[in-house]
N, C-alpha and C. Protein backbone atom coordinates (compact mmCIF):
# COMPACT_ATOMS: atom_id res chain seq x y z
N MET A 1 -0.34 117.43 45.75
CA MET A 1 0.69 117.09 44.78
C MET A 1 1.92 116.56 45.52
N PRO A 2 2.46 115.44 45.09
CA PRO A 2 3.64 114.89 45.76
C PRO A 2 4.90 115.67 45.36
N ALA A 3 5.86 115.66 46.24
CA ALA A 3 7.13 116.33 45.96
C ALA A 3 7.92 115.51 44.94
N ILE A 4 8.80 116.17 44.21
CA ILE A 4 9.66 115.51 43.24
C ILE A 4 10.72 114.72 44.00
N VAL A 5 10.97 113.50 43.56
CA VAL A 5 11.98 112.65 44.20
C VAL A 5 13.23 112.66 43.32
N LEU A 6 14.36 112.97 43.93
CA LEU A 6 15.64 113.04 43.21
C LEU A 6 16.59 111.99 43.74
N SER A 7 17.55 111.60 42.89
CA SER A 7 18.60 110.69 43.33
C SER A 7 19.61 111.49 44.17
N PRO A 8 20.40 110.81 44.97
CA PRO A 8 21.41 111.52 45.76
C PRO A 8 22.40 112.32 44.90
N ALA A 9 22.74 111.81 43.73
CA ALA A 9 23.67 112.54 42.86
C ALA A 9 23.03 113.83 42.34
N GLN A 10 21.76 113.78 41.96
CA GLN A 10 21.06 114.98 41.50
C GLN A 10 20.93 115.99 42.64
N ARG A 11 20.61 115.49 43.83
CA ARG A 11 20.47 116.38 44.98
C ARG A 11 21.81 117.05 45.29
N LYS A 12 22.91 116.32 45.12
CA LYS A 12 24.25 116.87 45.37
C LYS A 12 24.56 117.99 44.38
N GLU A 13 24.19 117.81 43.10
CA GLU A 13 24.41 118.85 42.09
C GLU A 13 23.63 120.11 42.43
N HIS A 14 22.38 119.95 42.85
CA HIS A 14 21.55 121.11 43.18
C HIS A 14 22.06 121.81 44.44
N ARG A 15 22.57 121.05 45.41
CA ARG A 15 23.15 121.67 46.61
C ARG A 15 24.34 122.53 46.22
N ALA A 16 25.17 122.02 45.32
CA ALA A 16 26.35 122.77 44.88
C ALA A 16 25.93 124.04 44.14
N ALA A 17 24.89 123.93 43.32
CA ALA A 17 24.43 125.11 42.56
C ALA A 17 23.79 126.14 43.49
N ALA A 18 23.20 125.71 44.60
CA ALA A 18 22.52 126.62 45.51
C ALA A 18 23.48 127.28 46.51
N HIS A 19 24.71 126.84 46.53
CA HIS A 19 25.65 127.33 47.54
C HIS A 19 25.79 128.85 47.51
N HIS A 20 25.89 129.44 46.34
CA HIS A 20 26.14 130.88 46.22
C HIS A 20 24.86 131.71 46.22
N LEU A 21 23.68 131.08 46.27
CA LEU A 21 22.42 131.82 46.20
C LEU A 21 22.10 132.50 47.53
N ASP A 22 21.37 133.60 47.45
CA ASP A 22 20.84 134.27 48.63
C ASP A 22 19.39 133.86 48.80
N PRO A 23 18.86 133.90 50.02
CA PRO A 23 17.45 133.57 50.21
C PRO A 23 16.55 134.57 49.50
N VAL A 24 15.55 134.07 48.78
CA VAL A 24 14.62 134.94 48.06
C VAL A 24 13.27 135.00 48.74
N VAL A 25 12.98 134.05 49.62
CA VAL A 25 11.72 134.01 50.36
C VAL A 25 12.06 133.88 51.83
N MET A 26 11.33 134.62 52.66
CA MET A 26 11.56 134.55 54.11
C MET A 26 10.25 134.23 54.81
N ILE A 27 10.32 133.29 55.74
CA ILE A 27 9.14 132.89 56.50
C ILE A 27 9.32 133.40 57.92
N GLY A 28 8.43 134.30 58.34
CA GLY A 28 8.54 134.94 59.65
C GLY A 28 7.69 134.25 60.70
N ALA A 29 7.25 135.06 61.67
CA ALA A 29 6.51 134.55 62.82
C ALA A 29 5.13 134.03 62.45
N GLU A 30 4.56 134.53 61.36
CA GLU A 30 3.23 134.08 60.93
C GLU A 30 3.26 132.66 60.37
N GLY A 31 4.42 132.19 60.00
CA GLY A 31 4.54 130.84 59.46
C GLY A 31 4.28 130.82 57.95
N LEU A 32 3.86 129.67 57.46
CA LEU A 32 3.64 129.49 56.03
C LEU A 32 2.24 129.97 55.66
N THR A 33 2.15 131.20 55.18
CA THR A 33 0.87 131.77 54.77
C THR A 33 0.70 131.58 53.26
N ASP A 34 -0.48 131.90 52.77
CA ASP A 34 -0.74 131.80 51.33
C ASP A 34 0.16 132.75 50.54
N ALA A 35 0.41 133.93 51.10
CA ALA A 35 1.26 134.91 50.41
C ALA A 35 2.70 134.39 50.29
N VAL A 36 3.19 133.74 51.34
CA VAL A 36 4.55 133.19 51.31
C VAL A 36 4.63 132.07 50.28
N ALA A 37 3.62 131.21 50.25
CA ALA A 37 3.61 130.11 49.29
C ALA A 37 3.53 130.64 47.86
N LYS A 38 2.77 131.71 47.66
CA LYS A 38 2.65 132.31 46.33
C LYS A 38 3.99 132.90 45.87
N GLU A 39 4.70 133.57 46.78
CA GLU A 39 6.01 134.13 46.45
C GLU A 39 7.02 133.03 46.15
N ALA A 40 6.98 131.96 46.93
CA ALA A 40 7.89 130.84 46.69
C ALA A 40 7.60 130.19 45.34
N ASP A 41 6.32 130.08 44.99
CA ASP A 41 5.93 129.51 43.70
C ASP A 41 6.44 130.39 42.56
N ALA A 42 6.27 131.71 42.70
CA ALA A 42 6.76 132.63 41.67
C ALA A 42 8.28 132.56 41.53
N ALA A 43 8.98 132.45 42.65
CA ALA A 43 10.44 132.35 42.61
C ALA A 43 10.88 131.05 41.96
N LEU A 44 10.17 129.96 42.24
CA LEU A 44 10.51 128.68 41.60
C LEU A 44 10.25 128.73 40.09
N LYS A 45 9.18 129.40 39.68
CA LYS A 45 8.92 129.54 38.25
C LYS A 45 10.01 130.33 37.56
N ALA A 46 10.51 131.35 38.23
CA ALA A 46 11.53 132.22 37.62
C ALA A 46 12.92 131.62 37.68
N HIS A 47 13.28 131.00 38.80
CA HIS A 47 14.67 130.57 39.01
C HIS A 47 14.86 129.06 39.02
N GLY A 48 13.87 128.31 39.45
CA GLY A 48 14.00 126.86 39.52
C GLY A 48 14.63 126.38 40.80
N LEU A 49 15.64 127.05 41.30
CA LEU A 49 16.35 126.66 42.52
C LEU A 49 16.34 127.86 43.45
N ILE A 50 15.77 127.72 44.65
CA ILE A 50 15.67 128.87 45.56
C ILE A 50 16.07 128.47 46.98
N LYS A 51 16.45 129.50 47.73
CA LYS A 51 16.70 129.35 49.16
C LYS A 51 15.59 130.08 49.90
N VAL A 52 15.14 129.48 51.00
CA VAL A 52 14.11 130.07 51.85
C VAL A 52 14.69 130.20 53.25
N ARG A 53 14.59 131.39 53.86
CA ARG A 53 15.06 131.58 55.23
C ARG A 53 13.86 131.50 56.16
N VAL A 54 14.01 130.73 57.23
CA VAL A 54 12.94 130.56 58.22
C VAL A 54 13.42 131.17 59.54
N PHE A 55 12.63 132.13 60.07
CA PHE A 55 12.99 132.76 61.33
C PHE A 55 12.33 132.02 62.49
N SER A 56 12.66 130.76 62.64
CA SER A 56 12.14 129.94 63.74
C SER A 56 13.31 129.18 64.34
N ASP A 57 13.30 129.07 65.66
CA ASP A 57 14.39 128.38 66.33
C ASP A 57 14.16 126.89 66.47
N ASP A 58 12.96 126.42 66.19
CA ASP A 58 12.61 125.01 66.35
C ASP A 58 12.94 124.23 65.08
N ARG A 59 13.85 123.28 65.22
CA ARG A 59 14.28 122.48 64.06
C ARG A 59 13.14 121.65 63.49
N ALA A 60 12.32 121.07 64.33
CA ALA A 60 11.21 120.24 63.86
C ALA A 60 10.22 121.08 63.03
N THR A 61 10.01 122.31 63.44
CA THR A 61 9.12 123.21 62.69
C THR A 61 9.70 123.49 61.30
N ARG A 62 11.01 123.72 61.24
CA ARG A 62 11.65 124.00 59.95
C ARG A 62 11.58 122.78 59.03
N GLU A 63 11.78 121.58 59.59
CA GLU A 63 11.68 120.36 58.78
C GLU A 63 10.26 120.17 58.26
N ALA A 64 9.27 120.47 59.11
CA ALA A 64 7.87 120.36 58.68
C ALA A 64 7.57 121.39 57.58
N LEU A 65 8.13 122.60 57.71
CA LEU A 65 7.93 123.63 56.68
C LEU A 65 8.52 123.20 55.35
N LEU A 66 9.71 122.58 55.39
CA LEU A 66 10.34 122.12 54.15
C LEU A 66 9.47 121.06 53.47
N ALA A 67 8.97 120.11 54.24
CA ALA A 67 8.12 119.06 53.66
C ALA A 67 6.81 119.64 53.14
N THR A 68 6.22 120.57 53.87
CA THR A 68 4.97 121.19 53.45
C THR A 68 5.15 122.01 52.18
N LEU A 69 6.21 122.82 52.14
CA LEU A 69 6.49 123.62 50.93
C LEU A 69 6.72 122.72 49.73
N ALA A 70 7.50 121.66 49.91
CA ALA A 70 7.80 120.76 48.79
C ALA A 70 6.52 120.12 48.26
N ASP A 71 5.64 119.68 49.15
CA ASP A 71 4.38 119.07 48.71
C ASP A 71 3.45 120.09 48.07
N ARG A 72 3.35 121.25 48.68
CA ARG A 72 2.41 122.26 48.20
C ARG A 72 2.83 122.84 46.85
N LEU A 73 4.13 122.97 46.61
CA LEU A 73 4.63 123.60 45.38
C LEU A 73 5.09 122.58 44.35
N ASN A 74 4.94 121.29 44.65
CA ASN A 74 5.40 120.23 43.76
C ASN A 74 6.89 120.41 43.44
N ALA A 75 7.68 120.58 44.48
CA ALA A 75 9.11 120.81 44.33
C ALA A 75 9.87 119.72 45.07
N ALA A 76 11.17 119.66 44.82
CA ALA A 76 12.03 118.69 45.49
C ALA A 76 12.74 119.38 46.65
N PRO A 77 12.66 118.81 47.86
CA PRO A 77 13.44 119.37 48.97
C PRO A 77 14.90 118.98 48.78
N ILE A 78 15.76 119.97 48.66
CA ILE A 78 17.18 119.70 48.39
C ILE A 78 17.99 119.65 49.68
N GLN A 79 17.81 120.67 50.54
CA GLN A 79 18.69 120.76 51.71
C GLN A 79 18.00 121.56 52.81
N HIS A 80 18.28 121.19 54.04
CA HIS A 80 17.87 121.96 55.22
C HIS A 80 19.11 122.10 56.06
N ILE A 81 19.69 123.29 56.06
CA ILE A 81 20.90 123.53 56.84
C ILE A 81 20.69 124.80 57.65
N GLY A 82 20.69 124.65 58.96
CA GLY A 82 20.43 125.78 59.84
C GLY A 82 19.02 126.30 59.62
N LYS A 83 18.91 127.59 59.34
CA LYS A 83 17.61 128.21 59.11
C LYS A 83 17.32 128.39 57.63
N LEU A 84 18.11 127.74 56.78
CA LEU A 84 17.93 127.85 55.33
C LEU A 84 17.36 126.55 54.76
N LEU A 85 16.39 126.70 53.90
CA LEU A 85 15.79 125.57 53.18
C LEU A 85 16.07 125.79 51.70
N VAL A 86 16.38 124.73 50.98
CA VAL A 86 16.63 124.81 49.55
C VAL A 86 15.62 123.94 48.84
N LEU A 87 14.94 124.53 47.84
CA LEU A 87 13.94 123.83 47.04
C LEU A 87 14.30 123.92 45.57
N TRP A 88 13.92 122.89 44.81
CA TRP A 88 14.16 122.88 43.36
C TRP A 88 12.93 122.36 42.64
N ARG A 89 12.64 122.98 41.53
CA ARG A 89 11.60 122.51 40.63
C ARG A 89 12.03 122.91 39.22
N PRO A 90 11.84 122.03 38.22
CA PRO A 90 12.25 122.40 36.87
C PRO A 90 11.48 123.62 36.39
N ILE A 91 12.15 124.50 35.69
CA ILE A 91 11.51 125.71 35.16
C ILE A 91 10.62 125.29 33.99
N PRO A 92 9.35 125.72 33.99
CA PRO A 92 8.46 125.32 32.89
C PRO A 92 8.87 126.01 31.58
N LEU A 93 8.71 125.29 30.48
CA LEU A 93 9.02 125.85 29.17
C LEU A 93 7.97 126.87 28.79
N LYS A 94 8.40 127.94 28.14
CA LYS A 94 7.47 128.97 27.72
C LYS A 94 6.83 128.55 26.41
N ALA A 95 5.51 128.60 26.38
CA ALA A 95 4.78 128.24 25.17
C ALA A 95 4.46 129.46 24.33
N ALA A 96 4.98 130.61 24.72
CA ALA A 96 4.70 131.85 24.01
C ALA A 96 5.40 131.86 22.65
N PRO A 97 4.87 132.59 21.70
CA PRO A 97 5.50 132.64 20.38
C PRO A 97 6.89 133.28 20.41
N GLU A 98 7.23 134.05 21.45
CA GLU A 98 8.56 134.65 21.52
C GLU A 98 9.64 133.60 21.70
N ALA A 99 9.27 132.44 22.25
CA ALA A 99 10.25 131.40 22.51
C ALA A 99 10.69 130.70 21.22
N VAL A 100 9.94 130.86 20.15
CA VAL A 100 10.26 130.22 18.88
C VAL A 100 11.34 131.04 18.19
N ASP A 101 12.36 130.37 17.67
CA ASP A 101 13.44 131.06 16.96
C ASP A 101 12.91 131.56 15.63
N ARG A 102 12.98 132.88 15.44
CA ARG A 102 12.43 133.47 14.23
C ARG A 102 13.47 133.62 13.12
N GLY A 103 14.71 133.39 13.42
CA GLY A 103 15.71 133.46 12.38
C GLY A 103 16.32 134.85 12.24
N ALA A 104 15.87 135.62 11.26
CA ALA A 104 16.55 136.85 10.88
C ALA A 104 16.04 138.08 11.60
N GLY A 105 15.40 137.97 12.72
CA GLY A 105 14.91 139.14 13.45
C GLY A 105 16.03 139.86 14.16
N PRO A 106 15.71 140.98 14.81
CA PRO A 106 16.75 141.70 15.55
C PRO A 106 17.24 140.88 16.73
N ARG A 107 18.52 141.01 17.02
CA ARG A 107 19.11 140.28 18.14
C ARG A 107 20.18 141.16 18.78
N VAL A 108 20.48 140.87 20.03
CA VAL A 108 21.48 141.64 20.77
C VAL A 108 22.80 140.86 20.73
N VAL A 109 23.86 141.55 20.35
CA VAL A 109 25.18 140.94 20.21
C VAL A 109 26.14 141.69 21.12
N LYS A 110 27.01 140.95 21.83
CA LYS A 110 28.05 141.56 22.65
C LYS A 110 29.30 141.74 21.81
N LEU A 111 29.82 142.96 21.81
CA LEU A 111 31.09 143.23 21.13
C LEU A 111 32.15 143.43 22.21
N VAL A 112 33.20 142.64 22.16
CA VAL A 112 34.28 142.73 23.15
C VAL A 112 35.50 143.28 22.44
N LYS A 113 36.02 144.39 22.96
CA LYS A 113 37.21 145.00 22.38
C LYS A 113 38.29 145.02 23.45
N PHE A 114 39.40 144.31 23.19
CA PHE A 114 40.47 144.21 24.16
C PHE A 114 41.39 145.42 24.05
N SER A 115 42.03 145.78 25.17
CA SER A 115 42.91 146.94 25.16
C SER A 115 44.20 146.59 24.42
N LYS A 116 44.80 147.58 23.80
CA LYS A 116 46.01 147.34 23.03
C LYS A 116 47.20 147.07 23.93
N SER A 117 47.22 147.68 25.11
CA SER A 117 48.37 147.50 26.00
C SER A 117 48.27 146.21 26.80
N GLY A 118 47.06 145.72 27.00
CA GLY A 118 46.90 144.50 27.77
C GLY A 118 46.80 144.75 29.26
N ASN A 119 46.98 146.00 29.69
CA ASN A 119 46.93 146.32 31.11
C ASN A 119 45.53 146.74 31.57
N HIS A 120 44.63 146.97 30.64
CA HIS A 120 43.30 147.45 31.00
C HIS A 120 42.26 146.39 30.67
N ARG A 121 41.08 146.59 31.23
CA ARG A 121 39.99 145.66 30.98
C ARG A 121 39.49 145.79 29.55
N ALA A 122 38.91 144.73 29.08
CA ALA A 122 38.27 144.76 27.77
C ALA A 122 36.97 145.54 27.89
N THR A 123 36.60 146.27 26.84
CA THR A 123 35.33 146.98 26.84
C THR A 123 34.28 146.10 26.18
N VAL A 124 33.14 146.01 26.84
CA VAL A 124 32.05 145.19 26.34
C VAL A 124 30.90 146.12 25.99
N LYS A 125 30.41 146.01 24.75
CA LYS A 125 29.31 146.85 24.30
C LYS A 125 28.25 145.95 23.71
N LYS A 126 26.98 146.14 24.14
CA LYS A 126 25.87 145.38 23.59
C LYS A 126 25.23 146.20 22.48
N VAL A 127 25.07 145.56 21.33
CA VAL A 127 24.55 146.24 20.15
C VAL A 127 23.39 145.44 19.59
N LYS A 128 22.36 146.14 19.14
CA LYS A 128 21.22 145.48 18.51
C LYS A 128 21.51 145.37 17.01
N VAL A 129 21.48 144.13 16.51
CA VAL A 129 21.77 143.87 15.10
C VAL A 129 20.46 143.44 14.45
N LEU A 130 20.09 144.14 13.39
CA LEU A 130 18.86 143.83 12.68
C LEU A 130 19.08 142.66 11.73
N GLY A 131 18.01 142.18 11.14
CA GLY A 131 18.08 141.02 10.27
C GLY A 131 18.90 141.23 9.02
N ASN A 132 18.97 142.48 8.53
CA ASN A 132 19.72 142.74 7.31
C ASN A 132 21.12 143.26 7.61
N GLU A 133 21.61 143.09 8.83
CA GLU A 133 22.94 143.57 9.20
C GLU A 133 23.80 142.41 9.67
N ARG A 134 25.11 142.65 9.66
CA ARG A 134 26.05 141.65 10.15
C ARG A 134 27.16 142.36 10.90
N VAL A 135 27.86 141.60 11.74
CA VAL A 135 28.98 142.15 12.51
C VAL A 135 30.26 141.68 11.86
N THR A 136 31.15 142.63 11.55
CA THR A 136 32.42 142.28 10.92
C THR A 136 33.40 141.82 11.98
N ALA A 137 34.53 141.31 11.54
CA ALA A 137 35.57 140.84 12.46
C ALA A 137 36.12 141.98 13.30
N GLY A 138 36.08 143.20 12.79
CA GLY A 138 36.57 144.36 13.53
C GLY A 138 35.55 144.93 14.49
N GLY A 139 34.36 144.38 14.53
CA GLY A 139 33.35 144.87 15.45
C GLY A 139 32.43 145.92 14.87
N LEU A 140 32.52 146.15 13.57
CA LEU A 140 31.64 147.11 12.91
C LEU A 140 30.36 146.42 12.47
N ILE A 141 29.31 147.21 12.37
CA ILE A 141 28.04 146.66 11.90
C ILE A 141 27.82 147.15 10.48
N LYS A 142 27.63 146.20 9.57
CA LYS A 142 27.43 146.54 8.16
C LYS A 142 26.15 145.91 7.67
N ARG A 143 25.56 146.56 6.69
CA ARG A 143 24.39 145.98 6.07
C ARG A 143 24.82 144.82 5.19
N ALA A 144 24.01 143.80 5.22
CA ALA A 144 24.31 142.65 4.36
C ALA A 144 24.08 143.07 2.91
N LYS A 145 24.87 142.50 2.03
CA LYS A 145 24.73 142.84 0.61
C LYS A 145 23.41 142.27 0.09
N PRO A 146 22.74 143.02 -0.75
CA PRO A 146 21.47 142.50 -1.29
C PRO A 146 21.74 141.28 -2.17
N ARG A 147 20.82 140.36 -2.16
CA ARG A 147 20.96 139.16 -2.97
C ARG A 147 20.74 139.48 -4.44
N ALA A 148 21.42 138.74 -5.25
CA ALA A 148 21.21 138.88 -6.69
C ALA A 148 19.85 138.28 -7.03
N ALA A 149 19.31 138.67 -8.18
CA ALA A 149 18.01 138.13 -8.59
C ALA A 149 18.13 136.62 -8.64
N GLY A 150 17.17 135.93 -8.04
CA GLY A 150 17.26 134.48 -7.86
C GLY A 150 17.31 133.69 -9.15
N GLY A 151 18.36 132.91 -9.31
CA GLY A 151 18.45 131.94 -10.38
C GLY A 151 18.77 132.48 -11.76
N VAL A 152 19.04 133.75 -11.90
CA VAL A 152 19.31 134.30 -13.23
C VAL A 152 20.83 134.31 -13.43
N LYS A 153 21.27 133.60 -14.47
CA LYS A 153 22.69 133.55 -14.77
C LYS A 153 23.02 134.64 -15.78
N LYS A 154 24.23 135.15 -15.68
CA LYS A 154 24.68 136.13 -16.66
C LYS A 154 24.99 135.43 -17.96
N LYS A 155 24.53 136.03 -19.03
CA LYS A 155 24.80 135.43 -20.33
C LYS A 155 26.13 135.95 -20.84
N THR A 156 26.90 135.06 -21.41
CA THR A 156 28.19 135.47 -21.97
C THR A 156 28.03 135.67 -23.46
N LEU A 157 28.81 136.57 -23.95
CA LEU A 157 28.78 136.84 -25.40
C LEU A 157 29.75 135.91 -26.10
N GLY A 158 29.31 135.42 -27.23
CA GLY A 158 30.24 134.73 -28.07
C GLY A 158 30.09 133.34 -28.19
């Protein structure tokens, strides 16, 4: 499989995004084994952008490892700086039924309550809201009012 080819601008964006990342895969004295490639593949599936640390002092070996990993995992080589390699591959879309928006099912909502004095941190609470509930402006959870019978108008006298 050939590696993904990116434009210099795209590569620059991915380098910037990878700056704060820690290495998730490490290649030791054994070199690029099947287990290392499998872990790198799993990390790319989960994160899309990963750093790999190589414990080798030979620069040519590290460059060869970057090219081999990129070809083997169908990823784009982003950067090789020192003993760190950066790879990127788009995260695959989940075809599972959970990925489909179901509408009124339960969902997790963050409630943020700020301190009255302004000197303390805001408190953040995660709450599960069911389909028949709503969150009020004050942060309370209330049941939604039941709907009236569909389409029936009240008759007026007179």
